[in-house]
Amino acid sequence: MTDKWTAEPREADGGELPVWNKEWMLEHLMEDEDLVREVLELFLTSVPGQIQNVKTLLEAGDASGVQIQAHAIKGACSNVGGERLRAAALKIEDAARAKDLNIVGSYLAEMELHYKSLRDEMAKELAK
């Protein structure tokens, strides 16, 4: 684990990134349950469109646009503790920066898988 306020991924014990570092998010948002709910709802409604934008920009061959959109997803994940999705967004951002859109395409499935896993965990929290 790194400092609680860092933007770096926070590994779980054993070295693997968690799908969702819920404890970190709760601490980061000062245990404010209403704020946590609001942030989760906003995250879950905005990120699917952002992932679709990555696909659209990739299809258009817009490496710069892909880089910017992946960076935005990475930032959103940093705010909620979505560690695996954040790592996938970072891979896409780095590949787009290098203008390697073939690699970006190969990481999209990983990004979508990690979003679905994160969405499912967050939905359980919202259902409480």
C-alpha atoms as a PDB file:
ATOM      1  CA  MET A   1       0.000   0.000   0.000  1.00  0.00           C
ATOM      2  CA  THR A   2       1.109   3.550  -0.627  1.00  0.00           C
ATOM      3  CA  ASP A   3       0.224   6.761   1.166  1.00  0.00           C
ATOM      4  CA  LYS A   4      -3.554   7.151   1.410  1.00  0.00           C
ATOM      5  CA  TRP A   5      -3.568  10.354  -0.666  1.00  0.00           C
ATOM      6  CA  THR A   6      -1.340   9.219  -3.523  1.00  0.00           C
ATOM      7  CA  ALA A   7      -2.584   8.834  -7.058  1.00  0.00           C
ATOM      8  CA  GLU A   8      -0.575   5.645  -7.468  1.00  0.00           C
ATOM      9  CA  PRO A   9      -2.330   2.272  -7.564  1.00  0.00           C
ATOM     10  CA  ARG A  10      -2.742   0.742  -4.148  1.00  0.00           C
ATOM     11  CA  GLU A  11      -1.915  -2.965  -4.081  1.00  0.00           C
ATOM     12  CA  ALA A  12      -3.672  -5.327  -1.746  1.00  0.00           C
ATOM     13  CA  ASP A  13      -1.685  -7.584   0.505  1.00  0.00           C
ATOM     14  CA  GLY A  14      -0.103 -10.173  -1.767  1.00  0.00           C
ATOM     15  CA  GLY A  15       0.721  -7.652  -4.498  1.00  0.00           C
ATOM     16  CA  GLU A  16      -2.384  -7.908  -6.700  1.00  0.00           C
ATOM     17  CA  LEU A  17      -4.427  -4.799  -7.367  1.00  0.00           C
ATOM     18  CA  PRO A  18      -7.945  -5.031  -5.964  1.00  0.00           C
ATOM     19  CA  VAL A  19     -10.918  -4.510  -8.265  1.00  0.00           C
ATOM     20  CA  TRP A  20     -12.145  -1.870  -5.840  1.00  0.00           C
ATOM     21  CA  ASN A  21     -10.331  -0.483  -2.832  1.00  0.00           C
ATOM     22  CA  LYS A  22     -13.538   0.411  -1.013  1.00  0.00           C
ATOM     23  CA  GLU A  23     -11.793   1.091   2.280  1.00  0.00           C
ATOM     24  CA  TRP A  24      -9.491   3.617   0.634  1.00  0.00           C
ATOM     25  CA  MET A  25     -12.447   5.377  -0.999  1.00  0.00           C
ATOM     26  CA  LEU A  26     -14.388   5.537   2.257  1.00  0.00           C
ATOM     27  CA  GLU A  27     -11.390   6.987   4.059  1.00  0.00           C
ATOM     28  CA  HIS A  28     -10.673   9.387   1.176  1.00  0.00           C
ATOM     29  CA  LEU A  29     -14.269  10.656   1.347  1.00  0.00           C
ATOM     30  CA  MET A  30     -14.124  10.924   5.143  1.00  0.00           C
ATOM     31  CA  GLU A  31     -16.684   8.129   5.685  1.00  0.00           C
ATOM     32  CA  ASP A  32     -19.454  10.431   4.357  1.00  0.00           C
ATOM     33  CA  GLU A  33     -22.006   7.842   3.179  1.00  0.00           C
ATOM     34  CA  ASP A  34     -24.090  10.355   1.215  1.00  0.00           C
ATOM     35  CA  LEU A  35     -21.006  11.604  -0.625  1.00  0.00           C
ATOM     36  CA  VAL A  36     -19.843   8.040  -1.303  1.00  0.00           C
ATOM     37  CA  ARG A  37     -23.246   7.192  -2.816  1.00  0.00           C
ATOM     38  CA  GLU A  38     -23.233  10.348  -4.941  1.00  0.00           C
ATOM     39  CA  VAL A  39     -19.685   9.718  -6.209  1.00  0.00           C
ATOM     40  CA  LEU A  40     -20.456   6.061  -6.998  1.00  0.00           C
ATOM     41  CA  GLU A  41     -23.607   6.963  -8.919  1.00  0.00           C
ATOM     42  CA  LEU A  42     -21.773   9.616 -10.923  1.00  0.00           C
ATOM     43  CA  PHE A  43     -18.896   7.242 -11.653  1.00  0.00           C
ATOM     44  CA  LEU A  44     -21.211   4.448 -12.790  1.00  0.00           C
ATOM     45  CA  THR A  45     -23.191   6.724 -15.094  1.00  0.00           C
ATOM     46  CA  SER A  46     -20.217   8.496 -16.680  1.00  0.00           C
ATOM     47  CA  VAL A  47     -17.578   5.829 -17.213  1.00  0.00           C
ATOM     48  CA  PRO A  48     -19.477   3.673 -19.757  1.00  0.00           C
ATOM     49  CA  GLY A  49     -19.719   6.691 -22.064  1.00  0.00           C
ATOM     50  CA  GLN A  50     -16.047   7.420 -21.555  1.00  0.00           C
ATOM     51  CA  ILE A  51     -15.159   3.837 -22.502  1.00  0.00           C
ATOM     52  CA  GLN A  52     -17.358   4.172 -25.596  1.00  0.00           C
ATOM     53  CA  ASN A  53     -15.501   7.386 -26.444  1.00  0.00           C
ATOM     54  CA  VAL A  54     -12.207   5.479 -26.301  1.00  0.00           C
ATOM     55  CA  LYS A  55     -13.624   2.975 -28.817  1.00  0.00           C
ATOM     56  CA  THR A  56     -14.908   5.732 -31.096  1.00  0.00           C
ATOM     57  CA  LEU A  57     -11.618   7.621 -30.969  1.00  0.00           C
ATOM     58  CA  LEU A  58      -9.690   4.412 -31.596  1.00  0.00           C
ATOM     59  CA  GLU A  59     -11.829   3.652 -34.647  1.00  0.00           C
ATOM     60  CA  ALA A  60     -11.118   7.182 -35.906  1.00  0.00           C
ATOM     61  CA  GLY A  61      -7.376   6.664 -35.401  1.00  0.00           C
ATOM     62  CA  ASP A  62      -7.216   9.574 -32.943  1.00  0.00           C
ATOM     63  CA  ALA A  63      -4.330   8.607 -30.651  1.00  0.00           C
ATOM     64  CA  SER A  64      -4.337  11.966 -28.892  1.00  0.00           C
ATOM     65  CA  GLY A  65      -8.054  11.732 -28.195  1.00  0.00           C
ATOM     66  CA  VAL A  66      -7.668   8.175 -26.892  1.00  0.00           C
ATOM     67  CA  GLN A  67      -4.862   9.333 -24.618  1.00  0.00           C
ATOM     68  CA  ILE A  68      -6.950  12.187 -23.204  1.00  0.00           C
ATOM     69  CA  GLN A  69     -10.027  10.000 -22.654  1.00  0.00           C
ATOM     70  CA  ALA A  70      -8.004   7.194 -21.036  1.00  0.00           C
ATOM     71  CA  HIS A  71      -6.414   9.775 -18.761  1.00  0.00           C
ATOM     72  CA  ALA A  72      -9.886  10.969 -17.706  1.00  0.00           C
ATOM     73  CA  ILE A  73     -10.951   7.389 -16.921  1.00  0.00           C
ATOM     74  CA  LYS A  74      -7.746   6.860 -14.965  1.00  0.00           C
ATOM     75  CA  GLY A  75      -8.460   9.990 -12.933  1.00  0.00           C
ATOM     76  CA  ALA A  76     -12.033   8.945 -12.196  1.00  0.00           C
ATOM     77  CA  CYS A  77     -10.779   5.557 -11.022  1.00  0.00           C
ATOM     78  CA  SER A  78      -8.209   7.225  -8.794  1.00  0.00           C
ATOM     79  CA  ASN A  79     -11.006   9.056  -6.996  1.00  0.00           C
ATOM     80  CA  VAL A  80     -13.005   5.911  -6.254  1.00  0.00           C
ATOM     81  CA  GLY A  81     -10.292   3.317  -5.699  1.00  0.00           C
ATOM     82  CA  GLY A  82     -11.014   1.405  -8.932  1.00  0.00           C
ATOM     83  CA  GLU A  83      -7.526  -0.019  -9.065  1.00  0.00           C
ATOM     84  CA  ARG A  84      -7.684  -2.623 -11.858  1.00  0.00           C
ATOM     85  CA  LEU A  85      -9.649  -0.339 -14.173  1.00  0.00           C
ATOM     86  CA  ARG A  86      -7.205   2.464 -13.382  1.00  0.00           C
ATOM     87  CA  ALA A  87      -4.284   0.219 -14.344  1.00  0.00           C
ATOM     88  CA  ALA A  88      -5.987  -0.731 -17.626  1.00  0.00           C
ATOM     89  CA  ALA A  89      -6.673   2.936 -18.411  1.00  0.00           C
ATOM     90  CA  LEU A  90      -3.012   3.724 -17.732  1.00  0.00           C
ATOM     91  CA  LYS A  91      -1.919   1.035 -20.220  1.00  0.00           C
ATOM     92  CA  ILE A  92      -4.223   2.541 -22.853  1.00  0.00           C
ATOM     93  CA  GLU A  93      -3.049   6.059 -22.087  1.00  0.00           C
ATOM     94  CA  ASP A  94       0.608   5.044 -22.405  1.00  0.00           C
ATOM     95  CA  ALA A  95       0.012   3.117 -25.638  1.00  0.00           C
ATOM     96  CA  ALA A  96      -1.907   6.038 -27.146  1.00  0.00           C
ATOM     97  CA  ARG A  97       0.858   8.431 -26.114  1.00  0.00           C
ATOM     98  CA  ALA A  98       3.253   6.162 -28.038  1.00  0.00           C
ATOM     99  CA  LYS A  99       0.745   6.237 -30.948  1.00  0.00           C
ATOM    100  CA  ASP A 100       0.450   2.433 -30.809  1.00  0.00           C
ATOM    101  CA  LEU A 101      -3.249   2.062 -31.491  1.00  0.00           C
ATOM    102  CA  ASN A 102      -2.947  -1.678 -32.117  1.00  0.00           C
ATOM    103  CA  ILE A 103      -1.931  -2.139 -28.488  1.00  0.00           C
ATOM    104  CA  VAL A 104      -4.773   0.149 -27.389  1.00  0.00           C
ATOM    105  CA  GLY A 105      -7.188  -2.160 -29.162  1.00  0.00           C
ATOM    106  CA  SER A 106      -5.801  -5.166 -27.356  1.00  0.00           C
ATOM    107  CA  TYR A 107      -6.283  -3.445 -23.958  1.00  0.00           C
ATOM    108  CA  LEU A 108      -9.911  -2.442 -24.567  1.00  0.00           C
ATOM    109  CA  ALA A 109     -11.309  -5.847 -23.630  1.00  0.00           C
ATOM    110  CA  GLU A 110      -9.317  -5.728 -20.390  1.00  0.00           C
ATOM    111  CA  MET A 111     -10.701  -2.264 -19.649  1.00  0.00           C
ATOM    112  CA  GLU A 112     -14.280  -3.396 -20.244  1.00  0.00           C
ATOM    113  CA  LEU A 113     -13.832  -6.501 -18.092  1.00  0.00           C
ATOM    114  CA  HIS A 114     -12.423  -4.467 -15.213  1.00  0.00           C
ATOM    115  CA  TYR A 115     -15.231  -1.921 -15.521  1.00  0.00           C
ATOM    116  CA  LYS A 116     -17.854  -4.676 -15.300  1.00  0.00           C
ATOM    117  CA  SER A 117     -16.203  -6.177 -12.224  1.00  0.00           C
ATOM    118  CA  LEU A 118     -15.954  -2.758 -10.597  1.00  0.00           C
ATOM    119  CA  ARG A 119     -19.541  -1.897 -11.516  1.00  0.00           C
ATOM    120  CA  ASP A 120     -20.772  -5.120  -9.947  1.00  0.00           C
ATOM    121  CA  GLU A 121     -18.929  -4.475  -6.678  1.00  0.00           C
ATOM    122  CA  MET A 122     -20.110  -0.878  -6.517  1.00  0.00           C
ATOM    123  CA  ALA A 123     -23.695  -1.892  -7.303  1.00  0.00           C
ATOM    124  CA  LYS A 124     -23.645  -4.165  -4.242  1.00  0.00           C
ATOM    125  CA  GLU A 125     -22.648  -1.174  -2.128  1.00  0.00           C
ATOM    126  CA  LEU A 126     -25.398   0.992  -3.606  1.00  0.00           C
ATOM    127  CA  ALA A 127     -27.985  -1.743  -2.984  1.00  0.00           C
ATOM    128  CA  LYS A 128     -27.380  -1.583   0.773  1.00  0.00           C
END
